[in-house]
N, C-alpha and C. Protein backbone atom coordinates (compact mmCIF):
# COMPACT_ATOMS: atom_id res chain seq x y z
N UNK A 1 0.88 -1.18 -0.35
CA UNK A 1 -0.04 0.16 0.07
C UNK A 1 0.73 1.35 0.07
N UNK A 2 0.44 2.35 -0.81
CA UNK A 2 1.33 3.20 -0.81
C UNK A 2 0.30 4.56 -0.28
N UNK A 3 0.87 5.43 0.52
CA UNK A 3 0.39 6.45 1.19
C UNK A 3 0.88 7.76 1.12
N UNK A 4 0.35 8.85 0.59
CA UNK A 4 1.20 10.03 0.23
C UNK A 4 1.10 11.31 1.33
N UNK A 5 1.26 12.03 2.15
CA UNK A 5 1.42 13.31 2.50
C UNK A 5 1.51 14.25 1.80
N UNK A 6 0.66 15.69 0.98
CA UNK A 6 1.24 16.16 0.67
C UNK A 6 0.82 17.61 0.96
N UNK A 7 1.34 18.75 -0.08
CA UNK A 7 0.65 19.83 0.76
C UNK A 7 1.97 20.75 0.54
N UNK A 8 1.89 22.09 0.45
CA UNK A 8 2.65 23.26 0.34
C UNK A 8 3.97 23.27 1.26
N UNK A 9 5.07 23.56 0.79
CA UNK A 9 6.41 24.18 1.56
C UNK A 9 5.93 24.84 2.93
N UNK A 10 6.54 23.91 4.22
CA UNK A 10 5.95 24.29 5.25
C UNK A 10 4.57 24.19 6.04
N UNK A 11 3.93 23.33 5.40
CA UNK A 11 2.68 22.72 5.75
C UNK A 11 2.78 21.70 7.19
N UNK A 12 4.07 21.10 7.72
CA UNK A 12 3.83 20.46 8.46
C UNK A 12 4.14 18.79 8.24
N UNK A 13 4.63 18.40 6.60
CA UNK A 13 4.83 17.08 6.37
C UNK A 13 5.47 16.33 7.08
N UNK A 14 6.82 16.75 7.08
CA UNK A 14 7.95 16.12 7.83
C UNK A 14 7.68 16.03 9.01
N UNK A 15 6.65 16.98 9.62
CA UNK A 15 6.43 16.68 11.46
C UNK A 15 5.51 15.41 10.94
N UNK A 16 4.25 15.68 10.24
CA UNK A 16 3.56 14.25 10.08
C UNK A 16 4.07 12.70 9.87
N UNK A 17 4.94 12.83 9.37
CA UNK A 17 5.52 12.00 8.49
C UNK A 17 6.41 10.91 9.33
N UNK A 18 7.14 11.88 10.44
CA UNK A 18 8.02 11.66 11.44
C UNK A 18 6.82 10.61 13.03
N UNK A 19 5.73 11.42 12.96
CA UNK A 19 4.89 10.78 13.87
C UNK A 19 4.39 9.93 13.07
N UNK A 20 4.16 9.44 11.93
CA UNK A 20 3.19 8.31 11.33
C UNK A 20 4.33 7.48 11.65
N UNK A 21 5.83 7.67 11.24
CA UNK A 21 7.11 6.28 11.54
C UNK A 21 6.80 6.13 13.03
N UNK A 22 7.30 6.88 13.90
CA UNK A 22 7.00 6.41 15.30
C UNK A 22 6.02 5.52 15.99
N UNK A 23 4.67 6.05 15.48
CA UNK A 23 3.67 5.56 15.83
C UNK A 23 3.44 4.23 15.48
N UNK A 24 4.20 4.06 13.99
CA UNK A 24 4.19 2.62 13.42
C UNK A 24 4.38 1.43 14.21
N UNK A 25 5.93 1.78 15.07
CA UNK A 25 5.86 0.65 16.17
C UNK A 25 5.44 0.53 17.05
N UNK A 26 4.22 0.86 17.33
CA UNK A 26 3.40 0.43 18.47
C UNK A 26 2.90 -0.72 18.04
N UNK A 27 2.76 -1.17 16.46
CA UNK A 27 2.05 -1.89 15.83
C UNK A 27 2.44 -2.22 14.75
N UNK A 28 3.28 -2.17 14.22
CA UNK A 28 4.08 -2.91 12.98
C UNK A 28 4.88 -3.92 13.76
N UNK A 29 4.98 -4.80 12.78
CA UNK A 29 5.34 -6.06 13.22
C UNK A 29 6.92 -7.05 12.24
N UNK A 30 7.33 -5.57 11.51
CA UNK A 30 8.44 -6.46 10.57
C UNK A 30 9.28 -4.84 11.25
N UNK A 31 10.05 -4.19 10.54
CA UNK A 31 11.17 -3.49 10.14
C UNK A 31 10.81 -2.29 10.08
N UNK A 32 10.96 -1.08 10.18
CA UNK A 32 10.52 0.55 9.63
C UNK A 32 11.73 1.10 9.26
N UNK A 33 12.11 1.29 8.28
CA UNK A 33 12.87 2.68 7.21
C UNK A 33 12.07 3.54 7.18
N UNK A 34 13.15 4.75 7.34
CA UNK A 34 12.95 6.13 7.33
C UNK A 34 13.82 6.83 6.65
N UNK A 35 13.79 6.98 5.33
CA UNK A 35 14.55 7.48 4.75
C UNK A 35 14.26 9.48 4.06
N UNK A 36 15.06 10.49 4.13
CA UNK A 36 15.10 11.30 3.92
C UNK A 36 16.54 11.88 3.16
N UNK A 37 16.85 13.09 2.57
CA UNK A 37 17.90 13.47 2.43
C UNK A 37 18.14 14.94 3.05
N UNK A 38 18.09 14.16 4.49
CA UNK A 38 18.86 15.81 5.44
C UNK A 38 18.87 15.28 6.95
N UNK A 39 20.03 15.36 7.46
CA UNK A 39 20.09 14.56 9.08
C UNK A 39 19.09 15.37 9.82
N UNK A 40 18.60 16.42 9.60
CA UNK A 40 17.65 17.55 10.33
C UNK A 40 16.45 16.79 11.12
N UNK A 41 15.83 15.56 11.05
CA UNK A 41 14.97 14.95 11.95
C UNK A 41 15.37 13.48 12.51
N UNK A 42 16.67 13.52 12.35
CA UNK A 42 17.10 12.20 12.56
C UNK A 42 16.92 12.05 14.02
N UNK A 43 16.95 13.07 14.88
CA UNK A 43 16.89 13.32 16.39
C UNK A 43 15.60 12.82 16.50
N UNK A 44 14.59 13.11 15.85
CA UNK A 44 12.91 13.06 16.12
C UNK A 44 12.53 11.77 15.92
N UNK A 45 13.17 11.18 15.02
CA UNK A 45 12.77 9.27 14.32
C UNK A 45 13.43 8.57 15.42
N UNK A 46 12.45 7.68 15.87
CA UNK A 46 12.75 6.89 17.44
C UNK A 46 14.06 5.49 16.67
N UNK A 47 14.76 5.67 17.67
CA UNK A 47 16.36 5.20 17.32
C UNK A 47 16.04 3.60 17.01
N UNK A 48 14.83 2.92 17.35
CA UNK A 48 14.27 1.61 16.85
C UNK A 48 14.05 1.60 15.73
N UNK A 49 14.21 2.56 14.67
CA UNK A 49 13.32 2.80 13.07
C UNK A 49 14.98 2.92 12.33
N UNK A 50 15.45 2.42 11.53
CA UNK A 50 16.54 2.26 10.69
C UNK A 50 16.40 4.01 10.03
N UNK A 51 16.98 4.92 10.55
CA UNK A 51 17.30 6.14 9.64
C UNK A 51 18.64 6.02 8.76
N UNK A 52 17.84 6.67 7.07
CA UNK A 52 18.64 6.61 6.60
C UNK A 52 19.19 8.49 5.38
N UNK A 53 19.91 8.65 5.80
CA UNK A 53 19.96 9.69 4.69
C UNK A 53 20.48 9.80 3.48
N UNK A 54 19.81 9.53 2.31
CA UNK A 54 19.54 9.57 1.17
C UNK A 54 21.29 10.40 0.26
N UNK A 55 21.55 11.42 1.00
CA UNK A 55 22.37 12.24 0.23
C UNK A 55 23.32 11.64 0.41
N UNK A 56 24.09 10.64 1.84
CA UNK A 56 25.30 10.16 1.99
C UNK A 56 25.32 9.03 0.71
N UNK A 57 24.02 8.98 -0.19
CA UNK A 57 25.00 7.86 -1.30
C UNK A 57 24.78 8.47 -2.39
N UNK A 58 24.95 9.39 -2.78
CA UNK A 58 25.63 10.52 -3.97
C UNK A 58 23.84 10.78 -4.47
N UNK A 59 24.15 11.47 -5.80
CA UNK A 59 22.94 12.10 -6.72
C UNK A 59 21.59 11.34 -6.56
N UNK A 60 20.58 11.58 -6.47
CA UNK A 60 19.11 10.56 -6.33
C UNK A 60 18.28 11.11 -7.42
N UNK A 61 18.57 9.62 -8.10
CA UNK A 61 17.13 9.61 -9.51
C UNK A 61 16.07 9.03 -8.93
N UNK A 62 15.06 9.18 -10.16
CA UNK A 62 14.14 7.96 -9.81
C UNK A 62 14.33 6.55 -9.78
N UNK A 63 15.28 6.60 -10.75
CA UNK A 63 15.69 5.13 -10.63
C UNK A 63 16.92 4.47 -9.70
N UNK A 64 17.71 5.44 -9.29
CA UNK A 64 18.65 4.77 -8.59
C UNK A 64 17.74 4.97 -6.76
N UNK A 65 16.72 5.64 -6.73
CA UNK A 65 15.57 5.56 -5.72
C UNK A 65 15.09 4.15 -5.96
N UNK A 66 14.73 3.89 -6.77
CA UNK A 66 13.75 2.68 -6.75
C UNK A 66 14.45 1.37 -6.35
N UNK A 67 15.52 1.39 -7.17
CA UNK A 67 17.22 0.49 -7.15
C UNK A 67 17.63 0.37 -5.30
N UNK A 68 17.76 1.52 -5.02
CA UNK A 68 18.10 1.31 -3.38
C UNK A 68 16.81 0.75 -2.80
N UNK A 69 15.83 1.27 -2.80
CA UNK A 69 14.88 0.94 -1.91
C UNK A 69 14.37 -0.66 -2.27
N UNK A 70 14.30 -1.26 -3.22
CA UNK A 70 14.72 -2.26 -3.82
C UNK A 70 16.04 -3.21 -2.91
N UNK A 71 16.97 -2.54 -2.58
CA UNK A 71 18.02 -3.32 -2.23
C UNK A 71 17.82 -3.31 -0.45
N UNK A 72 17.15 -2.13 -0.35
CA UNK A 72 16.82 -2.00 1.26
C UNK A 72 15.86 -3.33 1.56
N UNK A 73 14.76 -3.15 0.76
CA UNK A 73 13.95 -4.93 0.90
C UNK A 73 14.83 -5.77 0.65
N UNK A 74 15.23 -6.13 -0.22
CA UNK A 74 16.42 -7.39 -0.76
C UNK A 74 17.05 -7.70 0.54
N UNK A 75 18.00 -6.69 0.86
CA UNK A 75 19.05 -6.88 2.11
C UNK A 75 18.20 -7.26 3.67
N UNK A 76 16.83 -7.32 3.81
CA UNK A 76 16.09 -7.49 5.15
C UNK A 76 14.19 -7.60 4.96
N UNK A 77 14.56 -9.05 4.55
CA UNK A 77 12.95 -9.47 4.18
C UNK A 77 11.56 -8.94 5.43
N UNK A 78 12.30 -8.57 6.41
CA UNK A 78 11.40 -8.40 7.85
C UNK A 78 11.06 -6.65 7.58
N UNK A 79 11.56 -5.91 6.59
CA UNK A 79 10.90 -4.83 6.47
C UNK A 79 9.77 -4.50 6.08
N UNK A 80 8.58 -4.33 6.60
CA UNK A 80 7.27 -3.81 6.43
C UNK A 80 6.93 -2.36 6.29
N UNK A 81 7.68 -1.36 6.23
CA UNK A 81 6.86 -0.66 6.77
C UNK A 81 8.29 0.99 5.97
N UNK A 82 8.24 1.23 4.92
CA UNK A 82 9.06 2.76 4.38
C UNK A 82 8.58 3.73 4.76
N UNK A 83 8.78 4.91 5.44
CA UNK A 83 8.79 6.58 4.69
C UNK A 83 9.67 6.86 4.30
N UNK A 84 9.30 7.69 3.54
CA UNK A 84 10.23 8.09 2.59
C UNK A 84 9.75 9.91 2.49
N UNK A 85 10.80 11.17 3.07
CA UNK A 85 10.62 12.09 3.27
C UNK A 85 10.91 13.28 1.94
N UNK A 86 10.34 14.04 1.72
CA UNK A 86 10.51 15.32 1.12
C UNK A 86 11.21 14.42 -0.43
N UNK A 87 10.07 13.77 -1.34
CA UNK A 87 10.40 13.45 -2.32
C UNK A 87 10.46 14.35 -3.44
N UNK A 88 10.19 14.96 -3.13
CA UNK A 88 9.88 16.57 -4.46
C UNK A 88 11.35 17.28 -4.24
N UNK A 89 12.00 17.85 -3.15
CA UNK A 89 13.04 18.06 -2.69
C UNK A 89 14.10 17.44 -3.45
N UNK A 90 14.28 16.29 -2.87
CA UNK A 90 15.04 15.10 -2.75
C UNK A 90 15.37 14.60 -4.35
N UNK A 91 14.56 14.35 -5.60
CA UNK A 91 14.64 14.34 -7.06
C UNK A 91 14.23 15.60 -7.44
N UNK A 92 14.06 16.86 -6.78
CA UNK A 92 14.66 17.94 -7.91
C UNK A 92 13.40 18.12 -8.87
N UNK A 93 12.13 17.64 -8.59
CA UNK A 93 11.27 17.68 -9.78
C UNK A 93 10.00 17.90 -9.16
N UNK A 94 9.31 18.66 -9.92
CA UNK A 94 7.59 18.57 -9.29
C UNK A 94 7.05 17.69 -9.45
N UNK A 95 5.93 17.57 -8.17
CA UNK A 95 4.85 16.27 -8.07
C UNK A 95 4.14 15.46 -9.13
N UNK A 96 4.14 16.66 -10.47
CA UNK A 96 3.92 16.46 -11.37
C UNK A 96 3.96 15.64 -12.54
N UNK A 97 5.53 15.50 -12.39
CA UNK A 97 6.50 14.93 -13.08
C UNK A 97 6.77 13.36 -12.25
N UNK A 98 6.37 12.82 -11.19
CA UNK A 98 6.23 11.77 -10.56
C UNK A 98 5.45 10.45 -10.93
N UNK A 99 4.99 10.30 -12.09
CA UNK A 99 3.68 9.39 -12.12
C UNK A 99 4.52 7.52 -12.33
N UNK A 100 5.65 7.85 -13.06
CA UNK A 100 5.90 6.66 -13.69
C UNK A 100 6.78 6.44 -12.17
N UNK A 101 7.65 7.30 -11.12
CA UNK A 101 7.91 6.54 -10.22
C UNK A 101 7.11 6.41 -9.03
N UNK A 102 5.78 6.38 -9.16
CA UNK A 102 4.49 6.13 -8.24
C UNK A 102 4.24 4.76 -8.49
N UNK A 103 4.35 4.55 -10.24
CA UNK A 103 4.18 3.03 -10.27
C UNK A 103 4.81 1.97 -10.17
N UNK A 104 6.35 2.80 -10.08
CA UNK A 104 7.65 2.06 -9.61
C UNK A 104 7.03 1.35 -8.17
N UNK A 105 6.77 2.10 -7.25
CA UNK A 105 6.92 1.94 -5.93
C UNK A 105 5.72 1.58 -5.59
N UNK A 106 4.78 1.60 -6.36
CA UNK A 106 3.67 0.51 -5.94
C UNK A 106 3.61 -0.92 -6.46
N UNK A 107 4.31 -1.56 -7.36
CA UNK A 107 5.22 -2.46 -7.71
C UNK A 107 5.71 -2.48 -6.56
N UNK A 108 6.81 -2.33 -6.65
CA UNK A 108 7.89 -2.55 -5.10
C UNK A 108 7.02 -3.08 -3.56
N UNK A 109 5.60 -2.44 -3.66
CA UNK A 109 4.95 -2.72 -2.43
C UNK A 109 3.93 -3.66 -2.50
N UNK A 110 3.94 -4.08 -3.80
CA UNK A 110 2.74 -5.18 -3.66
C UNK A 110 3.73 -6.37 -3.87
N UNK A 111 4.50 -5.96 -4.55
CA UNK A 111 5.36 -7.51 -4.71
C UNK A 111 6.27 -8.15 -3.44
N UNK A 112 6.39 -7.18 -2.72
CA UNK A 112 7.39 -7.70 -1.63
C UNK A 112 6.53 -7.14 -0.16
N UNK A 113 5.51 -7.13 -0.30
CA UNK A 113 4.34 -6.76 0.66
C UNK A 113 4.76 -5.51 2.14
N UNK A 114 4.95 -4.66 1.73
CA UNK A 114 5.76 -3.72 2.05
C UNK A 114 4.87 -2.03 1.89
N UNK A 115 4.78 -1.95 2.76
CA UNK A 115 3.97 -0.15 2.88
C UNK A 115 4.87 1.03 2.83
N UNK A 116 4.44 1.63 1.82
CA UNK A 116 5.33 3.03 1.61
C UNK A 116 4.54 4.13 2.16
N UNK A 117 5.06 5.30 2.70
CA UNK A 117 4.50 6.46 3.10
C UNK A 117 5.51 7.67 2.64
N UNK A 118 4.92 8.19 1.41
CA UNK A 118 6.12 9.41 1.26
C UNK A 118 5.34 10.61 1.35
N UNK A 119 6.18 11.68 1.51
CA UNK A 119 5.58 13.31 1.92
C UNK A 119 6.33 13.76 0.25
N UNK A 120 5.01 14.52 0.05
CA UNK A 120 5.47 15.14 -1.59
C UNK A 120 4.79 16.68 -1.25
N UNK A 121 6.29 17.78 -1.37
CA UNK A 121 5.90 18.88 -1.83
C UNK A 121 4.91 19.62 -2.92
N UNK A 122 3.85 19.83 -2.81
CA UNK A 122 2.63 20.58 -3.90
C UNK A 122 1.85 21.00 -3.52
N UNK A 123 1.86 21.93 -3.97
CA UNK A 123 0.03 22.95 -3.99
C UNK A 123 -0.90 22.27 -3.89
N UNK A 124 -1.13 21.98 -5.23
CA UNK A 124 -1.63 20.77 -5.58
C UNK A 124 -1.64 19.65 -6.20
N UNK A 125 -2.35 18.75 -5.35
CA UNK A 125 -1.80 17.23 -5.92
C UNK A 125 -1.99 16.84 -7.54
N UNK A 126 -0.97 16.47 -8.16
CA UNK A 126 -1.93 15.88 -9.81
C UNK A 126 -2.41 14.80 -9.22
N UNK A 127 -3.49 14.27 -10.41
CA UNK A 127 -4.47 13.43 -10.41
C UNK A 127 -3.91 12.10 -9.75
N UNK A 128 -2.88 11.60 -10.52
CA UNK A 128 -2.12 10.75 -10.43
C UNK A 128 -2.20 10.07 -9.14
N UNK A 129 -1.55 11.51 -8.27
CA UNK A 129 -1.68 11.18 -6.59
C UNK A 129 -3.14 11.05 -5.66
N UNK A 130 -4.20 11.41 -6.62
CA UNK A 130 -5.11 11.24 -5.64
C UNK A 130 -5.72 10.36 -4.86
N UNK A 131 -5.23 9.12 -5.61
CA UNK A 131 -5.63 7.34 -5.43
C UNK A 131 -4.86 7.09 -3.75
N UNK A 132 -3.87 7.92 -3.48
CA UNK A 132 -2.74 7.41 -2.51
C UNK A 132 -3.15 8.48 -0.95
N UNK A 133 -4.05 9.53 -1.41
CA UNK A 133 -4.26 10.62 -0.30
C UNK A 133 -5.17 9.76 0.63
């Protein structure tokens, strides 16, 4: 399952996704992974959650992100939830251009039984994102 938190810059998306990740610890039977492009929120994410700063792994593209997430799931079959903060900022692209990426995220989610929650900065969500809201 894919879920999306979207809104304009400064609307509290990061705080919400961190809250969701921390709350998931109470009900999640598998491992939780939180990915972002900044160390700024690392102290707010529970230490029981695997925190990954994607900037530590070089330039991030749609293709490399899907490969990285596939590697995370392949290396630990107990991953059941992935939280990805700041997708538009991370990729340097508007939400309108992310439809193919979300198709890839949906495939990963369905094929490996992992829930993925993504935060995306956008003033108005594109049509394709509405099914994930």
